[in-house]
């Protein structure tokens, strides 16, 4: 009877200990799964060039995540007329139309119109008017209109690229999962600092080299290898501590894979480009935006993990064994299959 009673208590104890992290991981799994097809964090890119007092060229390019039947239409204000009935499409997939417009006022609005559902993507708009420097405007997913006159004033395109960097990292679930896995391996504040710093410096190097066209790579295999890097960390989580390179030297692994992740970050800039007048500053702010988003994510993880840390301290004070390896394995069982799905999905794009 005593044996059965202790077994029952043990089962209840294990269930109670596993329930909080399991619920958290399940919620994270559902969120990540919902983003599987929304991983594409590139914005809709629109460019308006003024040639003379009344002549404009309107270019736009959609991210690959948009289906062919939901390509946006860019509707000009009433004082503008298209010179053609249908947009030309270049070999690079850029839609192009010529416009003739009267003088703009603050009430003249451009509109982004999707035939079907709003895809919830940002829009980056480059505006080049006569006698003005190039302007860059970033619209959030909920914003579908903008005024040309409102773009006048000081050029703050670098600020728009900073915003884009934050949004890019938060939409890049694969990058966030990789950073989350690194935190598991980096035991202690010093090791965590060097691990995250190594990852940051590594991806900053390749982000800069790729964005400035110093190094050119095919992004499709890189994206597949990025997914493979997450699978690698998930497998490492299931192994005993101090038996693998990742457990002993997480900073080395972070630097190695960070170089690949930098190419992934640069892929968004390869499509929309950098403004000629503030190329370096815009690149810097895009990278800073990524770092800000990354730091917020790390802080969020520690806020969520704080209650579990207090539980571990309480158990340690009562001389109970604190075994975190099971939590690592549970995390690996959720993260690994999701990353494997991404890997095969991207591999199929070759």
Foldseek 3Di string as FASTA:
>chain_A
DVVVVVVVVVVVVVCVLVVLLVVVLVVVLVVVVVLLLVLQQFAWEWEWADDDQFKIKIKIAHTPSDDPQFQKDKAWFPQKDWPDDAFDADPVRMTMTMMTGHDFDQVTKIFIGTPDDQPFHKYWYWYHDPPAAIAIDIGGSVDGMDGPVVRDDDHDNLLNLLQSLQSSLVSNVLNLLLLVLLVVLQPDPVSNVLQVVLLLVLLLVLLVCPLVVVDDDDLLVLQLVSLVLSLVSLVVLLDDAPPDCCNVRVNVSSNVNSNSVSVVLNVSCVVRPARPVCRPSSSVSSSVSNVVNSVVSVVVVCVSCVVVVVVQVVCVVVVHDDDCSVVSNSSSVSRNVSSVVSNVVSVVVD
